[in-house]
Amino acid sequence: MEAINIISKVLAWPLAAVIFLYQKTLSPDHGPFSFLFPYGYCKFYPSCSMFSREVLETEGILGLPKIIKRLISCRP
């Protein structure tokens, strides 16, 4: 079981990197235009992208159902 968790976390690194890149470039909450939304743009706390990164770091790919559920409920 431990091997599955390790593999899951290793496979999550590229996804976490893509989310990090999104946050630094396009995200209205974390990107260069965050000054336009001083109270945040996302209706959730933490924002959907931050939640996704945290889940990927803790659960790896096995956390994808949580991420998908959160993104479906967001509807920006």
PDB file of N, CA and C in Angstrom:
ATOM      1  N   MET A   1       0.826  -1.201   0.000  1.00  0.00           N
ATOM      2  CA  MET A   1       0.000   0.000   0.000  1.00  0.00           C
ATOM      3  C   MET A   1       0.869   1.264   0.000  1.00  0.00           C
ATOM      4  N   GLU A   2       1.992   1.189   0.690  1.00  0.00           N
ATOM      5  CA  GLU A   2       2.886   2.340   0.745  1.00  0.00           C
ATOM      6  C   GLU A   2       3.450   2.675  -0.631  1.00  0.00           C
ATOM      7  N   ALA A   3       3.704   1.643  -1.433  1.00  0.00           N
ATOM      8  CA  ALA A   3       4.237   1.878  -2.779  1.00  0.00           C
ATOM      9  C   ALA A   3       3.224   2.616  -3.645  1.00  0.00           C
ATOM     10  N   ILE A   4       1.936   2.308  -3.471  1.00  0.00           N
ATOM     11  CA  ILE A   4       0.893   2.995  -4.238  1.00  0.00           C
ATOM     12  C   ILE A   4       0.867   4.471  -3.878  1.00  0.00           C
ATOM     13  N   ASN A   5       1.011   4.796  -2.603  1.00  0.00           N
ATOM     14  CA  ASN A   5       1.019   6.202  -2.177  1.00  0.00           C
ATOM     15  C   ASN A   5       2.221   6.942  -2.746  1.00  0.00           C
ATOM     16  N   ILE A   6       3.365   6.314  -2.752  1.00  0.00           N
ATOM     17  CA  ILE A   6       4.568   6.953  -3.290  1.00  0.00           C
ATOM     18  C   ILE A   6       4.420   7.193  -4.785  1.00  0.00           C
ATOM     19  N   ILE A   7       3.949   6.183  -5.509  1.00  0.00           N
ATOM     20  CA  ILE A   7       3.755   6.335  -6.956  1.00  0.00           C
ATOM     21  C   ILE A   7       2.723   7.415  -7.238  1.00  0.00           C
ATOM     22  N   SER A   8       1.654   7.442  -6.444  1.00  0.00           N
ATOM     23  CA  SER A   8       0.606   8.446  -6.621  1.00  0.00           C
ATOM     24  C   SER A   8       1.143   9.862  -6.436  1.00  0.00           C
ATOM     25  N   LYS A   9       1.984  10.046  -5.439  1.00  0.00           N
ATOM     26  CA  LYS A   9       2.554  11.372  -5.187  1.00  0.00           C
ATOM     27  C   LYS A   9       3.557  11.778  -6.269  1.00  0.00           C
ATOM     28  N   VAL A  10       4.325  10.835  -6.755  1.00  0.00           N
ATOM     29  CA  VAL A  10       5.281  11.138  -7.827  1.00  0.00           C
ATOM     30  C   VAL A  10       4.539  11.531  -9.099  1.00  0.00           C
ATOM     31  N   LEU A  11       3.456  10.829  -9.406  1.00  0.00           N
ATOM     32  CA  LEU A  11       2.671  11.156 -10.595  1.00  0.00           C
ATOM     33  C   LEU A  11       1.947  12.491 -10.449  1.00  0.00           C
ATOM     34  N   ALA A  12       1.747  12.957  -9.232  1.00  0.00           N
ATOM     35  CA  ALA A  12       1.056  14.223  -8.992  1.00  0.00           C
ATOM     36  C   ALA A  12       1.969  15.427  -9.202  1.00  0.00           C
ATOM     37  N   TRP A  13       3.272  15.257  -9.193  1.00  0.00           N
ATOM     38  CA  TRP A  13       4.189  16.388  -9.343  1.00  0.00           C
ATOM     39  C   TRP A  13       3.955  17.196 -10.606  1.00  0.00           C
ATOM     40  N   PRO A  14       3.815  16.571 -11.774  1.00  0.00           N
ATOM     41  CA  PRO A  14       3.572  17.390 -12.975  1.00  0.00           C
ATOM     42  C   PRO A  14       2.266  18.184 -12.892  1.00  0.00           C
ATOM     43  N   LEU A  15       1.225  17.590 -12.330  1.00  0.00           N
ATOM     44  CA  LEU A  15      -0.041  18.315 -12.179  1.00  0.00           C
ATOM     45  C   LEU A  15       0.113  19.496 -11.221  1.00  0.00           C
ATOM     46  N   ALA A  16       0.824  19.283 -10.139  1.00  0.00           N
ATOM     47  CA  ALA A  16       1.058  20.364  -9.190  1.00  0.00           C
ATOM     48  C   ALA A  16       1.881  21.484  -9.841  1.00  0.00           C
ATOM     49  N   ALA A  17       2.812  21.115 -10.703  1.00  0.00           N
ATOM     50  CA  ALA A  17       3.619  22.125 -11.404  1.00  0.00           C
ATOM     51  C   ALA A  17       2.759  22.939 -12.361  1.00  0.00           C
ATOM     52  N   VAL A  18       1.823  22.288 -13.048  1.00  0.00           N
ATOM     53  CA  VAL A  18       0.923  23.003 -13.957  1.00  0.00           C
ATOM     54  C   VAL A  18       0.029  23.957 -13.173  1.00  0.00           C
ATOM     55  N   ILE A  19      -0.462  23.515 -12.025  1.00  0.00           N
ATOM     56  CA  ILE A  19      -1.304  24.383 -11.191  1.00  0.00           C
ATOM     57  C   ILE A  19      -0.488  25.566 -10.682  1.00  0.00           C
ATOM     58  N   PHE A  20       0.754  25.326 -10.270  1.00  0.00           N
ATOM     59  CA  PHE A  20       1.625  26.406  -9.813  1.00  0.00           C
ATOM     60  C   PHE A  20       1.851  27.423 -10.927  1.00  0.00           C
ATOM     61  N   LEU A  21       2.092  26.942 -12.131  1.00  0.00           N
ATOM     62  CA  LEU A  21       2.288  27.826 -13.280  1.00  0.00           C
ATOM     63  C   LEU A  21       1.022  28.649 -13.546  1.00  0.00           C
ATOM     64  N   TYR A  22      -0.138  28.015 -13.471  1.00  0.00           N
ATOM     65  CA  TYR A  22      -1.413  28.728 -13.630  1.00  0.00           C
ATOM     66  C   TYR A  22      -1.552  29.828 -12.566  1.00  0.00           C
ATOM     67  N   GLN A  23      -1.227  29.494 -11.327  1.00  0.00           N
ATOM     68  CA  GLN A  23      -1.358  30.475 -10.252  1.00  0.00           C
ATOM     69  C   GLN A  23      -0.468  31.690 -10.479  1.00  0.00           C
ATOM     70  N   LYS A  24       0.711  31.477 -10.987  1.00  0.00           N
ATOM     71  CA  LYS A  24       1.650  32.584 -11.169  1.00  0.00           C
ATOM     72  C   LYS A  24       1.395  33.403 -12.428  1.00  0.00           C
ATOM     73  N   THR A  25       0.583  32.898 -13.361  1.00  0.00           N
ATOM     74  CA  THR A  25       0.380  33.616 -14.616  1.00  0.00           C
ATOM     75  C   THR A  25      -1.054  34.075 -14.828  1.00  0.00           C
ATOM     76  N   LEU A  26      -2.030  33.195 -14.731  1.00  0.00           N
ATOM     77  CA  LEU A  26      -3.397  33.507 -15.132  1.00  0.00           C
ATOM     78  C   LEU A  26      -4.387  33.680 -13.985  1.00  0.00           C
ATOM     79  N   SER A  27      -4.088  33.166 -12.832  1.00  0.00           N
ATOM     80  CA  SER A  27      -5.042  33.146 -11.720  1.00  0.00           C
ATOM     81  C   SER A  27      -5.392  34.554 -11.239  1.00  0.00           C
ATOM     82  N   PRO A  28      -6.701  34.855 -11.136  1.00  0.00           N
ATOM     83  CA  PRO A  28      -7.081  36.168 -10.606  1.00  0.00           C
ATOM     84  C   PRO A  28      -6.837  36.290  -9.101  1.00  0.00           C
ATOM     85  N   ASP A  29      -6.662  35.177  -8.403  1.00  0.00           N
ATOM     86  CA  ASP A  29      -6.387  35.222  -6.963  1.00  0.00           C
ATOM     87  C   ASP A  29      -4.899  35.292  -6.638  1.00  0.00           C
ATOM     88  N   HIS A  30      -4.066  34.659  -7.441  1.00  0.00           N
ATOM     89  CA  HIS A  30      -2.645  34.533  -7.108  1.00  0.00           C
ATOM     90  C   HIS A  30      -1.711  35.146  -8.139  1.00  0.00           C
ATOM     91  N   GLY A  31      -2.217  35.497  -9.306  1.00  0.00           N
ATOM     92  CA  GLY A  31      -1.379  35.957 -10.406  1.00  0.00           C
ATOM     93  C   GLY A  31      -1.050  37.436 -10.350  1.00  0.00           C
ATOM     94  N   PRO A  32      -0.502  37.956 -11.425  1.00  0.00           N
ATOM     95  CA  PRO A  32      -0.063  39.353 -11.459  1.00  0.00           C
ATOM     96  C   PRO A  32      -1.220  40.356 -11.396  1.00  0.00           C
ATOM     97  N   PHE A  33      -2.437  39.920 -11.678  1.00  0.00           N
ATOM     98  CA  PHE A  33      -3.580  40.831 -11.633  1.00  0.00           C
ATOM     99  C   PHE A  33      -4.404  40.663 -10.367  1.00  0.00           C
ATOM    100  N   SER A  34      -3.826  40.070  -9.339  1.00  0.00           N
ATOM    101  CA  SER A  34      -4.564  39.853  -8.097  1.00  0.00           C
ATOM    102  C   SER A  34      -4.925  41.173  -7.411  1.00  0.00           C
ATOM    103  N   PHE A  35      -4.230  42.256  -7.765  1.00  0.00           N
ATOM    104  CA  PHE A  35      -4.564  43.553  -7.175  1.00  0.00           C
ATOM    105  C   PHE A  35      -5.953  44.021  -7.621  1.00  0.00           C
ATOM    106  N   LEU A  36      -6.467  43.478  -8.717  1.00  0.00           N
ATOM    107  CA  LEU A  36      -7.807  43.846  -9.177  1.00  0.00           C
ATOM    108  C   LEU A  36      -8.901  43.245  -8.291  1.00  0.00           C
ATOM    109  N   PHE A  37      -8.557  42.194  -7.553  1.00  0.00           N
ATOM    110  CA  PHE A  37      -9.499  41.516  -6.666  1.00  0.00           C
ATOM    111  C   PHE A  37      -8.900  41.449  -5.265  1.00  0.00           C
ATOM    112  N   PRO A  38      -8.924  42.563  -4.514  1.00  0.00           N
ATOM    113  CA  PRO A  38      -8.249  42.585  -3.210  1.00  0.00           C
ATOM    114  C   PRO A  38      -8.846  41.609  -2.197  1.00  0.00           C
ATOM    115  N   TYR A  39     -10.101  41.234  -2.358  1.00  0.00           N
ATOM    116  CA  TYR A  39     -10.731  40.298  -1.427  1.00  0.00           C
ATOM    117  C   TYR A  39     -10.818  38.895  -2.011  1.00  0.00           C
ATOM    118  N   GLY A  40     -10.153  38.681  -3.122  1.00  0.00           N
ATOM    119  CA  GLY A  40     -10.141  37.377  -3.762  1.00  0.00           C
ATOM    120  C   GLY A  40     -11.251  37.241  -4.780  1.00  0.00           C
ATOM    121  N   TYR A  41     -11.056  36.338  -5.699  1.00  0.00           N
ATOM    122  CA  TYR A  41     -12.009  36.107  -6.767  1.00  0.00           C
ATOM    123  C   TYR A  41     -12.793  34.822  -6.528  1.00  0.00           C
ATOM    124  N   CYS A  42     -12.145  33.825  -5.975  1.00  0.00           N
ATOM    125  CA  CYS A  42     -12.765  32.527  -5.750  1.00  0.00           C
ATOM    126  C   CYS A  42     -13.724  32.606  -4.569  1.00  0.00           C
ATOM    127  N   LYS A  43     -14.857  31.913  -4.677  1.00  0.00           N
ATOM    128  CA  LYS A  43     -15.837  31.947  -3.594  1.00  0.00           C
ATOM    129  C   LYS A  43     -15.464  31.000  -2.464  1.00  0.00           C
ATOM    130  N   PHE A  44     -14.472  30.141  -2.684  1.00  0.00           N
ATOM    131  CA  PHE A  44     -14.044  29.206  -1.653  1.00  0.00           C
ATOM    132  C   PHE A  44     -12.749  29.679  -1.000  1.00  0.00           C
ATOM    133  N   TYR A  45     -12.528  29.217   0.224  1.00  0.00           N
ATOM    134  CA  TYR A  45     -11.241  29.422   0.880  1.00  0.00           C
ATOM    135  C   TYR A  45     -10.763  28.071   1.364  1.00  0.00           C
ATOM    136  N   PRO A  46      -9.614  27.631   0.999  1.00  0.00           N
ATOM    137  CA  PRO A  46      -8.667  28.227   0.073  1.00  0.00           C
ATOM    138  C   PRO A  46      -9.206  28.160  -1.354  1.00  0.00           C
ATOM    139  N   SER A  47      -8.613  28.931  -2.213  1.00  0.00           N
ATOM    140  CA  SER A  47      -9.070  28.962  -3.606  1.00  0.00           C
ATOM    141  C   SER A  47      -8.965  27.560  -4.212  1.00  0.00           C
ATOM    142  N   CYS A  48      -9.674  27.359  -5.294  1.00  0.00           N
ATOM    143  CA  CYS A  48      -9.711  26.033  -5.933  1.00  0.00           C
ATOM    144  C   CYS A  48      -8.315  25.561  -6.345  1.00  0.00           C
ATOM    145  N   SER A  49      -7.506  26.468  -6.861  1.00  0.00           N
ATOM    146  CA  SER A  49      -6.168  26.054  -7.285  1.00  0.00           C
ATOM    147  C   SER A  49      -5.287  25.718  -6.082  1.00  0.00           C
ATOM    148  N   MET A  50      -5.413  26.475  -4.997  1.00  0.00           N
ATOM    149  CA  MET A  50      -4.623  26.176  -3.806  1.00  0.00           C
ATOM    150  C   MET A  50      -5.079  24.865  -3.172  1.00  0.00           C
ATOM    151  N   PHE A  51      -6.389  24.651  -3.137  1.00  0.00           N
ATOM    152  CA  PHE A  51      -6.937  23.394  -2.636  1.00  0.00           C
ATOM    153  C   PHE A  51      -6.399  22.223  -3.449  1.00  0.00           C
ATOM    154  N   SER A  52      -6.378  22.383  -4.766  1.00  0.00           N
ATOM    155  CA  SER A  52      -5.896  21.318  -5.643  1.00  0.00           C
ATOM    156  C   SER A  52      -4.429  21.002  -5.374  1.00  0.00           C
ATOM    157  N   ARG A  53      -3.619  22.032  -5.215  1.00  0.00           N
ATOM    158  CA  ARG A  53      -2.195  21.799  -4.924  1.00  0.00           C
ATOM    159  C   ARG A  53      -2.015  21.085  -3.594  1.00  0.00           C
ATOM    160  N   GLU A  54      -2.783  21.493  -2.579  1.00  0.00           N
ATOM    161  CA  GLU A  54      -2.662  20.864  -1.267  1.00  0.00           C
ATOM    162  C   GLU A  54      -3.075  19.394  -1.314  1.00  0.00           C
ATOM    163  N   VAL A  55      -4.166  19.107  -2.021  1.00  0.00           N
ATOM    164  CA  VAL A  55      -4.616  17.721  -2.128  1.00  0.00           C
ATOM    165  C   VAL A  55      -3.587  16.889  -2.889  1.00  0.00           C
ATOM    166  N   LEU A  56      -3.043  17.422  -3.969  1.00  0.00           N
ATOM    167  CA  LEU A  56      -2.036  16.680  -4.723  1.00  0.00           C
ATOM    168  C   LEU A  56      -0.788  16.425  -3.888  1.00  0.00           C
ATOM    169  N   GLU A  57      -0.406  17.378  -3.051  1.00  0.00           N
ATOM    170  CA  GLU A  57       0.778  17.191  -2.219  1.00  0.00           C
ATOM    171  C   GLU A  57       0.549  16.157  -1.125  1.00  0.00           C
ATOM    172  N   THR A  58      -0.662  16.103  -0.573  1.00  0.00           N
ATOM    173  CA  THR A  58      -0.912  15.181   0.536  1.00  0.00           C
ATOM    174  C   THR A  58      -1.372  13.805   0.063  1.00  0.00           C
ATOM    175  N   GLU A  59      -2.259  13.759  -0.934  1.00  0.00           N
ATOM    176  CA  GLU A  59      -2.835  12.485  -1.349  1.00  0.00           C
ATOM    177  C   GLU A  59      -2.355  11.994  -2.704  1.00  0.00           C
ATOM    178  N   GLY A  60      -1.741  12.867  -3.460  1.00  0.00           N
ATOM    179  CA  GLY A  60      -1.280  12.487  -4.785  1.00  0.00           C
ATOM    180  C   GLY A  60      -2.442  12.364  -5.757  1.00  0.00           C
ATOM    181  N   ILE A  61      -2.267  11.538  -6.763  1.00  0.00           N
ATOM    182  CA  ILE A  61      -3.278  11.324  -7.798  1.00  0.00           C
ATOM    183  C   ILE A  61      -4.565  10.754  -7.197  1.00  0.00           C
ATOM    184  N   LEU A  62      -4.458  10.072  -6.080  1.00  0.00           N
ATOM    185  CA  LEU A  62      -5.640   9.479  -5.451  1.00  0.00           C
ATOM    186  C   LEU A  62      -6.625  10.545  -4.980  1.00  0.00           C
ATOM    187  N   GLY A  63      -6.194  11.786  -4.890  1.00  0.00           N
ATOM    188  CA  GLY A  63      -7.067  12.881  -4.479  1.00  0.00           C
ATOM    189  C   GLY A  63      -7.809  13.541  -5.625  1.00  0.00           C
ATOM    190  N   LEU A  64      -7.657  13.047  -6.845  1.00  0.00           N
ATOM    191  CA  LEU A  64      -8.324  13.660  -8.002  1.00  0.00           C
ATOM    192  C   LEU A  64      -9.844  13.723  -7.868  1.00  0.00           C
ATOM    193  N   PRO A  65     -10.521  12.716  -7.312  1.00  0.00           N
ATOM    194  CA  PRO A  65     -11.975  12.860  -7.149  1.00  0.00           C
ATOM    195  C   PRO A  65     -12.371  14.068  -6.298  1.00  0.00           C
ATOM    196  N   LYS A  66     -11.606  14.359  -5.235  1.00  0.00           N
ATOM    197  CA  LYS A  66     -11.876  15.538  -4.412  1.00  0.00           C
ATOM    198  C   LYS A  66     -11.711  16.820  -5.221  1.00  0.00           C
ATOM    199  N   ILE A  67     -10.669  16.868  -6.021  1.00  0.00           N
ATOM    200  CA  ILE A  67     -10.381  18.055  -6.823  1.00  0.00           C
ATOM    201  C   ILE A  67     -11.479  18.266  -7.860  1.00  0.00           C
ATOM    202  N   ILE A  68     -11.873  17.206  -8.521  1.00  0.00           N
ATOM    203  CA  ILE A  68     -12.916  17.313  -9.541  1.00  0.00           C
ATOM    204  C   ILE A  68     -14.231  17.749  -8.921  1.00  0.00           C
ATOM    205  N   LYS A  69     -14.570  17.196  -7.763  1.00  0.00           N
ATOM    206  CA  LYS A  69     -15.796  17.593  -7.071  1.00  0.00           C
ATOM    207  C   LYS A  69     -15.772  19.077  -6.718  1.00  0.00           C
ATOM    208  N   ARG A  70     -14.629  19.558  -6.252  1.00  0.00           N
ATOM    209  CA  ARG A  70     -14.501  20.977  -5.893  1.00  0.00           C
ATOM    210  C   ARG A  70     -14.631  21.865  -7.118  1.00  0.00           C
ATOM    211  N   LEU A  71     -13.998  21.485  -8.225  1.00  0.00           N
ATOM    212  CA  LEU A  71     -14.053  22.299  -9.436  1.00  0.00           C
ATOM    213  C   LEU A  71     -15.470  22.322 -10.039  1.00  0.00           C
ATOM    214  N   ILE A  72     -16.178  21.223  -9.939  1.00  0.00           N
ATOM    215  CA  ILE A  72     -17.553  21.186 -10.440  1.00  0.00           C
ATOM    216  C   ILE A  72     -18.455  22.098  -9.601  1.00  0.00           C
ATOM    217  N   SER A  73     -18.231  22.123  -8.299  1.00  0.00           N
ATOM    218  CA  SER A  73     -19.072  22.972  -7.439  1.00  0.00           C
ATOM    219  C   SER A  73     -18.701  24.444  -7.523  1.00  0.00           C
ATOM    220  N   CYS A  74     -17.540  24.763  -8.089  1.00  0.00           N
ATOM    221  CA  CYS A  74     -17.079  26.153  -8.159  1.00  0.00           C
ATOM    222  C   CYS A  74     -17.887  26.958  -9.174  1.00  0.00           C
ATOM    223  N   ARG A  75     -17.914  26.531 -10.404  1.00  0.00           N
ATOM    224  CA  ARG A  75     -18.605  27.222 -11.500  1.00  0.00           C
ATOM    225  C   ARG A  75     -18.316  28.718 -11.528  1.00  0.00           C
ATOM    226  N   PRO A  76     -17.100  29.111 -11.863  1.00  0.00           N
ATOM    227  CA  PRO A  76     -16.769  30.550 -11.843  1.00  0.00           C
ATOM    228  C   PRO A  76     -17.525  31.350 -12.873  1.00  0.00           C
TER     229      PRO A  76
END
